Amino acid sequence: MKHEIGRIKAIFRYPVKSMAGMELTAAKLGFHGIEGDRRFAFRRMTEQGGMPWLTASRLPEMILFKPFHQQNIDDPVLSHVRTPEGISLELRSMELSLEISRRLGSEVQLMHLRNGIFDEASVSLISNETISKIEKVSELSLDIRRFRPNFLIETNSGNPFEEDSWIGRTFFFGEEPDGPTVSLTLRDKRCVMVNFDPDTARSDPNVMKSIIKLNENNAGVYGTVTKVGNIMVGDKVYLSD
């Protein structure tokens, strides 16, 4: 059995790890997350450890680079990136790699990962109410983009951090009996990414401090896709009993 808990308020895809995301009205959910999500990442050539990927925690300016489609906007594989200065460069071009290498101070290489590169799991969700509570405590106006979710959920209950109670249960998207589903596996423990303003890359530690104070540094949840399908903004969402 399942019961309705809210609806999808926004959907996001992040074509390049740590770069700006793209807000969507609809998306195809596959077994490796939203189609086209985090399929590209820049590898730090001097890093020999297990996490070689360049992220905004090392180069905050990364979030100011904006992936976009030059022509076919329906293609989940993007073609270009706009730099913070507004210059358009091809994603796979040497010019873009050199520009990021210059800002970082060491060489990077673009990698295309067929199944994506994720921190914990292929899907992330957070409720609008959780963000509102963090806003109130931090006394800041917080753009949803700070939290980099795949799905922003508007819940019926209006309770912040309700997501914690979803762990171990199944999330159903839409009203069709064969619609996509996600098994919710763990809480989303936050890093310094939430501190960065998505429009300026300036950091305010009060954001992460507020999450620590409110919920042991957890905000939102991760999940694994158990049934694929199409999802749209406005779809109702259900949770297994």
Protein backbone atom coordinates (compact mmCIF):
# COMPACT_ATOMS: atom_id res chain seq x y z
CA MET A 1 0.00 0.00 0.00
CA LYS A 2 1.01 3.61 -0.51
CA HIS A 3 -0.26 7.06 0.40
CA GLU A 4 0.05 10.46 -1.22
CA ILE A 5 2.58 12.78 0.43
CA GLY A 6 2.87 15.71 -2.00
CA ARG A 7 3.95 16.66 -5.50
CA ILE A 8 7.03 17.44 -7.55
CA LYS A 9 7.70 21.18 -7.48
CA ALA A 10 10.94 21.19 -9.52
CA ILE A 11 13.28 18.84 -11.39
CA PHE A 12 17.01 19.43 -11.93
CA ARG A 13 19.73 17.83 -14.01
CA TYR A 14 23.47 18.50 -13.51
CA PRO A 15 25.21 17.54 -16.76
CA VAL A 16 28.73 18.30 -15.46
CA LYS A 17 29.66 17.48 -11.88
CA SER A 18 29.77 20.66 -9.75
CA MET A 19 28.76 22.98 -12.59
CA ALA A 20 25.40 24.75 -12.59
CA GLY A 21 22.29 22.63 -13.00
CA MET A 22 19.48 22.81 -15.53
CA GLU A 23 15.87 23.08 -14.39
CA LEU A 24 13.52 20.80 -16.34
CA THR A 25 9.76 20.52 -16.74
CA ALA A 26 10.02 16.78 -17.42
CA ALA A 27 12.69 14.08 -17.32
CA LYS A 28 13.30 10.44 -18.08
CA LEU A 29 14.34 8.50 -14.98
CA GLY A 30 16.59 5.54 -15.74
CA PHE A 31 18.40 3.06 -13.51
CA HIS A 32 21.34 5.47 -13.35
CA GLY A 33 19.28 8.49 -12.36
CA ILE A 34 17.88 11.26 -14.54
CA GLU A 35 19.01 10.83 -18.13
CA GLY A 36 22.08 13.01 -18.72
CA ASP A 37 22.69 13.73 -15.01
CA ARG A 38 26.34 14.04 -13.97
CA ARG A 39 27.57 12.16 -17.02
CA PHE A 40 30.60 14.45 -17.30
CA ALA A 41 33.23 15.39 -14.72
CA PHE A 42 36.65 17.00 -14.73
CA ARG A 43 39.44 14.84 -13.35
CA ARG A 44 42.33 16.46 -11.49
CA MET A 45 45.39 15.03 -13.21
CA THR A 46 47.64 15.41 -10.17
CA GLU A 47 45.22 13.60 -7.83
CA GLN A 48 46.16 9.96 -7.25
CA GLY A 49 43.52 9.15 -4.61
CA GLY A 50 40.06 7.63 -4.91
CA MET A 51 38.24 10.94 -5.48
CA PRO A 52 39.97 12.65 -8.41
CA TRP A 53 36.93 14.67 -9.50
CA LEU A 54 37.07 18.44 -9.43
CA THR A 55 34.26 19.88 -7.31
CA ALA A 56 33.24 23.33 -6.13
CA SER A 57 34.67 22.55 -2.68
CA ARG A 58 38.10 22.95 -4.35
CA LEU A 59 37.11 25.50 -6.99
CA PRO A 60 33.94 27.41 -6.00
CA GLU A 61 33.84 29.12 -9.42
CA MET A 62 32.80 25.77 -10.92
CA ILE A 63 29.16 26.46 -10.01
CA LEU A 64 29.25 29.60 -12.17
CA PHE A 65 29.92 27.59 -15.34
CA LYS A 66 26.57 26.93 -17.05
CA PRO A 67 26.06 23.94 -19.38
CA PHE A 68 23.61 24.51 -22.21
CA HIS A 69 22.44 23.14 -25.55
CA GLN A 70 23.50 25.01 -28.65
CA GLN A 71 20.72 23.54 -30.81
CA ASN A 72 18.72 20.46 -29.72
CA ILE A 73 17.35 21.36 -26.30
CA ASP A 74 15.78 17.90 -25.90
CA ASP A 75 19.12 16.10 -26.10
CA PRO A 76 20.21 15.11 -22.55
CA VAL A 77 23.87 15.26 -23.66
CA LEU A 78 24.77 18.94 -23.70
CA SER A 79 27.14 20.52 -26.19
CA HIS A 80 28.41 23.79 -24.72
CA VAL A 81 29.30 25.56 -21.47
CA ARG A 82 29.07 29.27 -20.72
CA THR A 83 31.91 30.61 -18.54
CA PRO A 84 31.30 33.04 -15.64
CA GLU A 85 32.29 35.83 -18.06
CA GLY A 86 29.62 34.74 -20.55
CA ILE A 87 31.94 33.13 -23.12
CA SER A 88 30.49 30.05 -24.85
CA LEU A 89 32.86 27.10 -25.24
CA GLU A 90 32.30 23.59 -26.51
CA LEU A 91 32.16 21.11 -23.65
CA ARG A 92 34.75 18.81 -25.17
CA SER A 93 37.06 21.61 -26.31
CA MET A 94 40.62 22.08 -25.14
CA GLU A 95 39.74 25.73 -24.50
CA LEU A 96 37.32 24.80 -21.72
CA SER A 97 39.75 22.37 -20.07
CA LEU A 98 42.51 24.99 -20.21
CA GLU A 99 40.23 27.65 -18.73
CA ILE A 100 39.33 25.46 -15.76
CA SER A 101 42.95 24.35 -15.35
CA ARG A 102 44.00 28.00 -15.23
CA ARG A 103 41.53 28.81 -12.48
CA LEU A 104 42.45 25.72 -10.46
CA GLY A 105 46.18 26.11 -10.93
CA SER A 106 46.70 22.53 -12.12
CA GLU A 107 45.74 20.37 -15.09
CA VAL A 108 42.27 18.84 -15.49
CA GLN A 109 40.81 16.44 -18.04
CA LEU A 110 37.17 16.04 -19.06
CA MET A 111 35.78 12.54 -18.52
CA HIS A 112 32.53 11.13 -19.94
CA LEU A 113 31.03 8.53 -17.61
CA ARG A 114 28.24 6.50 -19.20
CA ASN A 115 26.50 5.74 -15.88
CA GLY A 116 27.34 9.03 -14.18
CA ILE A 117 29.48 9.97 -11.19
CA PHE A 118 27.52 10.41 -7.94
CA ASP A 119 28.57 11.08 -4.36
CA GLU A 120 26.25 8.54 -2.71
CA ALA A 121 23.36 7.49 -4.96
CA SER A 122 21.91 8.38 -8.35
CA VAL A 123 18.87 10.34 -7.12
CA SER A 124 18.52 13.07 -4.50
CA LEU A 125 15.36 14.63 -3.08
CA ILE A 126 14.61 17.44 -0.67
CA SER A 127 11.38 19.06 0.47
CA ASN A 128 10.50 22.71 0.06
CA GLU A 129 9.62 22.78 3.76
CA THR A 130 13.09 21.65 4.81
CA ILE A 131 14.69 24.47 2.83
CA SER A 132 12.25 26.98 4.33
CA LYS A 133 13.23 25.89 7.85
CA ILE A 134 16.94 26.26 7.07
CA GLU A 135 16.18 29.72 5.64
CA LYS A 136 14.46 30.75 8.84
CA VAL A 137 17.24 29.60 11.15
CA SER A 138 20.08 30.94 8.99
CA GLU A 139 18.23 34.23 8.41
CA LEU A 140 19.16 34.03 4.74
CA SER A 141 17.19 33.85 1.52
CA LEU A 142 18.28 30.48 0.12
CA ASP A 143 18.06 29.56 -3.54
CA ILE A 144 17.07 25.92 -4.06
CA ARG A 145 20.13 25.58 -6.31
CA ARG A 146 22.39 25.59 -3.23
CA PHE A 147 21.08 22.13 -2.34
CA ARG A 148 21.50 20.62 -5.83
CA PRO A 149 18.60 18.13 -5.65
CA ASN A 150 17.21 16.17 -8.56
CA PHE A 151 13.70 16.59 -7.16
CA LEU A 152 12.21 19.34 -5.02
CA ILE A 153 9.13 17.98 -3.24
CA GLU A 154 6.28 20.05 -1.87
CA THR A 155 4.82 17.93 0.92
CA ASN A 156 1.23 17.84 2.12
CA SER A 157 2.27 17.80 5.77
CA GLY A 158 4.42 20.93 5.66
CA ASN A 159 6.84 19.38 8.16
CA PRO A 160 10.56 20.17 7.75
CA PHE A 161 12.98 17.24 7.58
CA GLU A 162 10.11 14.84 6.97
CA GLU A 163 12.46 13.17 4.47
CA ASP A 164 14.28 11.41 7.32
CA SER A 165 11.18 9.24 7.88
CA TRP A 166 11.23 8.15 4.22
CA ILE A 167 14.42 6.10 4.59
CA GLY A 168 13.88 2.41 3.89
CA ARG A 169 10.65 3.05 1.99
CA THR A 170 9.68 3.31 -1.66
CA PHE A 171 8.86 6.56 -3.44
CA PHE A 172 6.28 6.41 -6.27
CA PHE A 173 6.12 9.12 -8.95
CA GLY A 174 2.80 9.84 -10.64
CA GLU A 175 -0.55 8.09 -10.56
CA GLU A 176 0.12 5.34 -13.10
CA PRO A 177 0.51 1.87 -11.51
CA ASP A 178 3.63 1.17 -13.58
CA GLY A 179 5.22 4.60 -12.95
CA PRO A 180 8.83 5.09 -11.85
CA THR A 181 9.88 4.26 -8.29
CA VAL A 182 12.87 5.01 -6.08
CA SER A 183 14.06 3.15 -2.99
CA LEU A 184 15.16 5.73 -0.43
CA THR A 185 18.40 4.59 1.16
CA LEU A 186 20.10 7.26 3.29
CA ARG A 187 20.01 10.82 4.52
CA ASP A 188 21.89 13.50 2.59
CA LYS A 189 24.79 14.61 4.78
CA ARG A 190 25.74 18.06 3.58
CA CYS A 191 29.13 19.49 2.58
CA VAL A 192 30.32 23.06 2.00
CA MET A 193 28.51 23.18 -1.36
CA VAL A 194 25.39 24.50 0.41
CA ASN A 195 27.36 27.54 1.57
CA PHE A 196 27.99 28.79 -1.98
CA ASP A 197 25.70 31.34 -3.56
CA PRO A 198 24.86 29.85 -7.00
CA ASP A 199 25.06 33.28 -8.66
CA THR A 200 28.28 34.61 -7.10
CA ALA A 201 30.07 31.57 -5.58
CA ARG A 202 30.50 33.56 -2.37
CA SER A 203 30.41 31.39 0.74
CA ASP A 204 28.31 31.89 3.86
CA PRO A 205 29.04 29.25 6.54
CA ASN A 206 25.77 30.04 8.33
CA VAL A 207 23.94 27.76 5.91
CA MET A 208 25.81 24.60 6.85
CA LYS A 209 25.92 25.66 10.52
CA SER A 210 22.12 25.89 10.51
CA ILE A 211 21.76 22.41 9.01
CA ILE A 212 24.10 21.02 11.67
CA LYS A 213 22.06 22.73 14.39
CA LEU A 214 18.70 21.61 13.01
CA ASN A 215 19.33 18.04 11.88
CA GLU A 216 22.89 16.82 12.47
CA ASN A 217 23.99 18.22 9.09
CA ASN A 218 21.39 16.20 7.15
CA ALA A 219 18.98 17.80 4.66
CA GLY A 220 17.20 15.66 2.09
CA VAL A 221 17.64 12.02 1.12
CA TYR A 222 19.31 9.81 -1.50
CA GLY A 223 17.68 6.99 -3.40
CA THR A 224 18.22 4.22 -5.93
CA VAL A 225 15.94 3.80 -8.95
CA THR A 226 13.94 0.55 -8.86
CA LYS A 227 11.60 1.23 -11.78
CA VAL A 228 12.24 3.57 -14.70
CA GLY A 229 9.85 5.97 -16.40
CA ASN A 230 8.95 9.55 -17.21
CA ILE A 231 8.42 12.26 -14.60
CA MET A 232 6.93 15.75 -14.83
CA VAL A 233 6.72 18.79 -12.59
CA GLY A 234 3.35 18.71 -10.83
CA ASP A 235 3.20 14.91 -10.63
CA LYS A 236 1.83 13.59 -7.37
CA VAL A 237 4.25 11.55 -5.26
CA TYR A 238 3.45 8.63 -2.98
CA LEU A 239 5.27 6.75 -0.23
CA SER A 240 4.97 3.08 0.67
CA ASP A 241 3.21 2.41 3.97
